Amino acid sequence: MPGENGIDLEGTVIEVLREAKLFRVELVNGHRLLGHVTARWQRQAGAIKAGDKVNLKMSPCDFSHGRIILETKTT
C-alpha cells in the first residue's frame, strides 16, 4: 500500500506557490522542500498562508518534496 513507509514531519510554510496548490516549506532542521496537497484537499488548502505550521508525509527515498496532510476537525 502506498504511504505505509512514509515519514511524518512538521514544518512551517515559507511561501505559497501556484495558487495554493504548491508550498515552500521549511522543516525544523532548516531543510527546505516543496509541499503539495492532493486534489481532494485543494479547496481547504486555500486557507494555508505563509507562517502556518503544517504536517508533511514524505517518501523515505525522496526528501525534495512532500504531501501536506490536512486533517478534518471533528467536534
N, C-alpha and C. Protein backbone atom coordinates (compact mmCIF):
# COMPACT_ATOMS: atom_id res chain seq x y z
N MET A 1 0.83 -1.19 0.00
CA MET A 1 0.00 0.00 0.00
C MET A 1 0.87 1.24 0.00
N PRO A 2 0.51 2.25 -0.77
CA PRO A 2 1.28 3.48 -0.76
C PRO A 2 1.13 4.20 0.57
N GLY A 3 2.19 4.84 1.00
CA GLY A 3 2.15 5.62 2.22
C GLY A 3 2.45 4.82 3.48
N GLU A 4 2.64 3.53 3.36
CA GLU A 4 2.93 2.71 4.53
C GLU A 4 4.26 3.09 5.16
N ASN A 5 5.27 3.34 4.34
CA ASN A 5 6.60 3.65 4.83
C ASN A 5 6.89 5.14 4.84
N GLY A 6 5.86 5.97 4.77
CA GLY A 6 6.05 7.41 4.75
C GLY A 6 6.59 7.94 6.07
N ILE A 7 7.27 9.07 5.99
CA ILE A 7 7.85 9.72 7.16
C ILE A 7 6.99 10.94 7.46
N ASP A 8 6.51 11.05 8.69
CA ASP A 8 5.70 12.19 9.10
C ASP A 8 6.60 13.24 9.74
N LEU A 9 6.52 14.49 9.24
CA LEU A 9 7.32 15.58 9.76
C LEU A 9 6.46 16.82 9.92
N GLU A 10 6.97 17.79 10.67
CA GLU A 10 6.28 19.06 10.84
C GLU A 10 7.16 20.17 10.30
N GLY A 11 6.54 21.15 9.65
CA GLY A 11 7.28 22.26 9.09
C GLY A 11 6.46 23.53 9.10
N THR A 12 7.08 24.60 8.59
CA THR A 12 6.44 25.91 8.52
C THR A 12 6.40 26.36 7.07
N VAL A 13 5.25 26.84 6.62
CA VAL A 13 5.11 27.33 5.25
C VAL A 13 5.86 28.65 5.13
N ILE A 14 6.75 28.74 4.16
CA ILE A 14 7.52 29.95 3.91
C ILE A 14 6.87 30.78 2.80
N GLU A 15 6.40 30.09 1.77
CA GLU A 15 5.90 30.77 0.59
C GLU A 15 4.79 29.95 -0.05
N VAL A 16 3.78 30.63 -0.56
CA VAL A 16 2.68 29.97 -1.27
C VAL A 16 2.95 30.12 -2.76
N LEU A 17 2.96 29.00 -3.47
CA LEU A 17 3.23 28.99 -4.90
C LEU A 17 2.03 28.40 -5.64
N ARG A 18 1.81 28.81 -6.86
CA ARG A 18 0.78 28.25 -7.74
C ARG A 18 -0.62 28.21 -7.13
N GLU A 19 -1.08 29.34 -6.66
CA GLU A 19 -2.46 29.49 -6.22
C GLU A 19 -2.88 28.43 -5.19
N ALA A 20 -2.14 28.30 -4.15
CA ALA A 20 -2.44 27.40 -3.03
C ALA A 20 -2.46 25.93 -3.43
N LYS A 21 -1.65 25.56 -4.41
CA LYS A 21 -1.51 24.15 -4.77
C LYS A 21 -0.13 23.63 -4.39
N LEU A 22 0.83 24.53 -4.32
CA LEU A 22 2.21 24.16 -4.05
C LEU A 22 2.77 25.15 -3.03
N PHE A 23 3.53 24.65 -2.08
CA PHE A 23 4.04 25.48 -0.99
C PHE A 23 5.52 25.20 -0.78
N ARG A 24 6.26 26.23 -0.40
CA ARG A 24 7.65 26.03 0.03
C ARG A 24 7.60 25.92 1.55
N VAL A 25 8.14 24.82 2.07
CA VAL A 25 8.05 24.51 3.49
C VAL A 25 9.47 24.34 4.06
N GLU A 26 9.68 24.88 5.26
CA GLU A 26 10.95 24.71 5.95
C GLU A 26 10.72 23.81 7.16
N LEU A 27 11.51 22.76 7.24
CA LEU A 27 11.42 21.83 8.36
C LEU A 27 12.15 22.40 9.58
N VAL A 28 11.99 21.77 10.71
CA VAL A 28 12.61 22.22 11.95
C VAL A 28 14.14 22.24 11.83
N ASN A 29 14.70 21.29 11.08
CA ASN A 29 16.16 21.22 10.95
C ASN A 29 16.71 22.18 9.90
N GLY A 30 15.85 23.01 9.28
CA GLY A 30 16.31 24.01 8.31
C GLY A 30 16.20 23.57 6.86
N HIS A 31 15.91 22.31 6.61
CA HIS A 31 15.78 21.79 5.24
C HIS A 31 14.53 22.39 4.59
N ARG A 32 14.66 22.87 3.37
CA ARG A 32 13.53 23.43 2.63
C ARG A 32 13.13 22.49 1.52
N LEU A 33 11.81 22.37 1.32
CA LEU A 33 11.30 21.47 0.29
C LEU A 33 9.97 22.00 -0.22
N LEU A 34 9.47 21.35 -1.27
CA LEU A 34 8.17 21.71 -1.83
C LEU A 34 7.11 20.80 -1.24
N GLY A 35 6.02 21.40 -0.78
CA GLY A 35 4.90 20.64 -0.26
C GLY A 35 3.70 20.84 -1.16
N HIS A 36 2.91 19.81 -1.33
CA HIS A 36 1.72 19.91 -2.17
C HIS A 36 0.55 19.25 -1.46
N VAL A 37 -0.63 19.61 -1.87
CA VAL A 37 -1.84 18.97 -1.35
C VAL A 37 -2.47 18.16 -2.47
N THR A 38 -3.23 17.16 -2.09
CA THR A 38 -3.91 16.34 -3.10
C THR A 38 -5.07 17.13 -3.68
N ALA A 39 -5.55 16.71 -4.81
CA ALA A 39 -6.65 17.40 -5.48
C ALA A 39 -7.90 17.44 -4.60
N ARG A 40 -8.07 16.43 -3.79
CA ARG A 40 -9.22 16.36 -2.90
C ARG A 40 -9.25 17.49 -1.88
N TRP A 41 -8.08 17.96 -1.44
CA TRP A 41 -7.98 18.96 -0.39
C TRP A 41 -7.61 20.35 -0.88
N GLN A 42 -7.62 20.59 -2.19
CA GLN A 42 -7.18 21.90 -2.69
C GLN A 42 -8.07 23.04 -2.23
N ARG A 43 -9.36 22.80 -2.05
CA ARG A 43 -10.25 23.86 -1.58
C ARG A 43 -9.88 24.30 -0.17
N GLN A 44 -9.61 23.35 0.71
CA GLN A 44 -9.24 23.67 2.08
C GLN A 44 -7.83 24.25 2.15
N ALA A 45 -7.00 23.96 1.18
CA ALA A 45 -5.62 24.44 1.18
C ALA A 45 -5.55 25.94 0.94
N GLY A 46 -6.62 26.54 0.45
CA GLY A 46 -6.64 27.98 0.25
C GLY A 46 -6.47 28.75 1.54
N ALA A 47 -6.73 28.12 2.67
CA ALA A 47 -6.60 28.78 3.97
C ALA A 47 -5.16 28.75 4.49
N ILE A 48 -4.28 28.01 3.86
CA ILE A 48 -2.88 27.92 4.31
C ILE A 48 -2.13 29.15 3.84
N LYS A 49 -1.45 29.81 4.78
CA LYS A 49 -0.69 31.03 4.48
C LYS A 49 0.75 30.87 4.95
N ALA A 50 1.60 31.79 4.54
CA ALA A 50 2.99 31.78 4.99
C ALA A 50 3.02 31.94 6.50
N GLY A 51 3.83 31.14 7.16
CA GLY A 51 3.94 31.17 8.61
C GLY A 51 3.14 30.09 9.31
N ASP A 52 2.25 29.41 8.59
CA ASP A 52 1.44 28.35 9.19
C ASP A 52 2.26 27.08 9.40
N LYS A 53 1.98 26.38 10.47
CA LYS A 53 2.60 25.08 10.74
C LYS A 53 1.78 24.02 10.03
N VAL A 54 2.47 23.09 9.36
CA VAL A 54 1.80 22.02 8.63
C VAL A 54 2.47 20.69 8.93
N ASN A 55 1.73 19.61 8.72
CA ASN A 55 2.27 18.26 8.83
C ASN A 55 2.51 17.73 7.43
N LEU A 56 3.63 17.08 7.23
CA LEU A 56 4.02 16.54 5.93
C LEU A 56 4.20 15.04 6.01
N LYS A 57 3.91 14.37 4.92
CA LYS A 57 4.23 12.96 4.77
C LYS A 57 5.20 12.88 3.59
N MET A 58 6.37 12.31 3.85
CA MET A 58 7.42 12.25 2.83
C MET A 58 7.80 10.81 2.55
N SER A 59 8.28 10.58 1.35
CA SER A 59 8.80 9.28 0.97
C SER A 59 10.21 9.12 1.55
N PRO A 60 10.56 7.95 2.03
CA PRO A 60 11.92 7.76 2.55
C PRO A 60 12.99 7.79 1.45
N CYS A 61 12.56 7.75 0.18
CA CYS A 61 13.51 7.75 -0.93
C CYS A 61 13.79 9.14 -1.49
N ASP A 62 12.86 10.09 -1.29
CA ASP A 62 12.99 11.41 -1.91
C ASP A 62 12.62 12.48 -0.89
N PHE A 63 13.61 13.27 -0.48
CA PHE A 63 13.39 14.31 0.51
C PHE A 63 13.23 15.70 -0.12
N SER A 64 12.98 15.78 -1.42
CA SER A 64 12.85 17.08 -2.07
C SER A 64 11.41 17.60 -2.07
N HIS A 65 10.44 16.73 -1.82
CA HIS A 65 9.05 17.17 -1.75
C HIS A 65 8.25 16.26 -0.82
N GLY A 66 7.11 16.78 -0.40
CA GLY A 66 6.25 16.01 0.50
C GLY A 66 4.80 16.42 0.32
N ARG A 67 3.92 15.59 0.85
CA ARG A 67 2.49 15.86 0.75
C ARG A 67 2.02 16.47 2.07
N ILE A 68 1.32 17.59 1.99
CA ILE A 68 0.79 18.25 3.17
C ILE A 68 -0.47 17.53 3.59
N ILE A 69 -0.50 17.13 4.85
CA ILE A 69 -1.65 16.39 5.38
C ILE A 69 -2.60 17.40 6.02
N LEU A 70 -3.82 17.45 5.50
CA LEU A 70 -4.86 18.29 6.08
C LEU A 70 -5.83 17.38 6.82
N GLU A 71 -6.01 17.62 8.08
CA GLU A 71 -6.86 16.79 8.90
C GLU A 71 -8.22 17.45 9.08
N THR A 72 -9.28 16.66 9.05
CA THR A 72 -10.61 17.20 9.29
C THR A 72 -10.82 17.30 10.79
N LYS A 73 -11.40 18.41 11.23
CA LYS A 73 -11.63 18.63 12.65
C LYS A 73 -12.99 18.06 13.02
N THR A 74 -13.00 17.18 14.00
CA THR A 74 -14.25 16.61 14.47
C THR A 74 -14.51 17.11 15.88
N THR A 75 -15.73 17.60 16.12
CA THR A 75 -16.06 18.11 17.45
C THR A 75 -17.26 17.40 18.01
